[in-house]
Amino acid sequence: MASVFEDVAAKALQLSAAERARLVDELIRSLDGEPDGEPSEVAAAWEQEIARRLNDMEAGRVKWVSEDEVRAATRAVIDAHRK
């Protein structure tokens, strides 16, 4: 007999991409809670953070990392936690 998780996962995979995205958002909110502030305030805060990070990259204060390096490092962390 399938577990509740397996039943829910199987049903979730039958949803459209947009519905799955909405479900993921709902699940993340259930873990993280609602964002602080109005949506426009959250968007403005992200715009400021993006600008700060771009400035840091352009000024050479941070190291650029390729997508392949990020994926390899992420895979290594995941593999280490599975052992």
Protein backbone atom coordinates (compact mmCIF):
# COMPACT_ATOMS: atom_id res chain seq x y z
CA MET A 1 0.00 0.00 0.00
CA ALA A 2 1.34 3.43 -0.97
CA SER A 3 2.14 6.00 1.68
CA VAL A 4 0.32 9.33 1.87
CA PHE A 5 3.49 10.99 0.56
CA GLU A 6 3.63 8.69 -2.46
CA ASP A 7 -0.07 9.29 -3.19
CA VAL A 8 0.32 13.07 -2.96
CA ALA A 9 3.52 13.05 -5.04
CA ALA A 10 1.89 10.94 -7.76
CA LYS A 11 -1.10 13.28 -7.89
CA ALA A 12 1.13 16.37 -7.87
CA LEU A 13 3.04 15.07 -10.88
CA GLN A 14 -0.24 14.93 -12.82
CA LEU A 15 -0.71 18.70 -12.40
CA SER A 16 0.21 21.17 -15.10
CA ALA A 17 3.53 23.00 -14.79
CA ALA A 18 1.72 26.13 -13.58
CA GLU A 19 -0.20 24.17 -10.97
CA ARG A 20 2.99 22.43 -9.77
CA ALA A 21 4.69 25.83 -9.47
CA ARG A 22 1.77 27.10 -7.41
CA LEU A 23 1.94 23.98 -5.22
CA VAL A 24 5.68 24.46 -4.68
CA ASP A 25 5.05 28.08 -3.68
CA GLU A 26 2.39 26.97 -1.20
CA LEU A 27 4.68 24.32 0.29
CA ILE A 28 7.59 26.76 0.64
CA ARG A 29 5.31 29.30 2.30
CA SER A 30 4.18 26.60 4.73
CA LEU A 31 7.83 26.16 5.75
CA ASP A 32 9.07 29.74 5.58
CA GLY A 33 5.90 31.65 6.39
CA GLU A 34 4.57 34.63 4.55
CA PRO A 35 7.07 37.24 3.42
CA ASP A 36 7.38 40.34 5.56
CA GLY A 37 5.81 43.38 3.95
CA GLU A 38 3.66 44.04 0.93
CA PRO A 39 4.56 42.45 -2.41
CA SER A 40 5.80 45.80 -3.72
CA GLU A 41 8.10 46.15 -0.67
CA VAL A 42 9.44 42.63 -1.15
CA ALA A 43 10.05 43.32 -4.85
CA ALA A 44 11.84 46.59 -4.02
CA ALA A 45 14.03 44.83 -1.46
CA TRP A 46 14.97 42.19 -4.06
CA GLU A 47 15.76 44.91 -6.62
CA GLN A 48 18.12 46.52 -4.09
CA GLU A 49 19.76 43.17 -3.32
CA ILE A 50 20.20 42.39 -7.03
CA ALA A 51 21.77 45.81 -7.61
CA ARG A 52 24.12 45.31 -4.64
CA ARG A 53 25.22 41.90 -5.91
CA LEU A 54 25.77 43.21 -9.45
CA ASN A 55 27.84 46.09 -8.09
CA ASP A 56 29.94 43.64 -6.06
CA MET A 57 30.53 41.47 -9.14
CA GLU A 58 31.39 44.41 -11.38
CA ALA A 59 33.77 45.85 -8.76
CA GLY A 60 35.55 42.49 -8.44
CA ARG A 61 34.61 42.02 -4.77
CA VAL A 62 33.18 38.57 -5.47
CA LYS A 63 34.31 35.71 -7.67
CA TRP A 64 32.24 34.70 -10.67
CA VAL A 65 31.36 31.00 -10.61
CA SER A 66 30.17 29.12 -13.67
CA GLU A 67 26.94 27.19 -13.70
CA ASP A 68 28.92 23.96 -14.10
CA GLU A 69 30.94 24.74 -10.94
CA VAL A 70 27.78 25.50 -8.98
CA ARG A 71 26.09 22.30 -10.14
CA ALA A 72 29.19 20.22 -9.31
CA ALA A 73 29.49 21.74 -5.84
CA THR A 74 25.77 21.28 -5.18
CA ARG A 75 25.92 17.66 -6.32
CA ALA A 76 28.91 17.04 -4.03
CA VAL A 77 27.04 18.42 -1.02
CA ILE A 78 23.95 16.34 -1.81
CA ASP A 79 26.02 13.19 -2.32
CA ALA A 80 27.88 13.78 0.96
CA HIS A 81 24.60 14.11 2.87
CA ARG A 82 23.23 10.90 1.35
CA LYS A 83 26.15 8.86 2.70
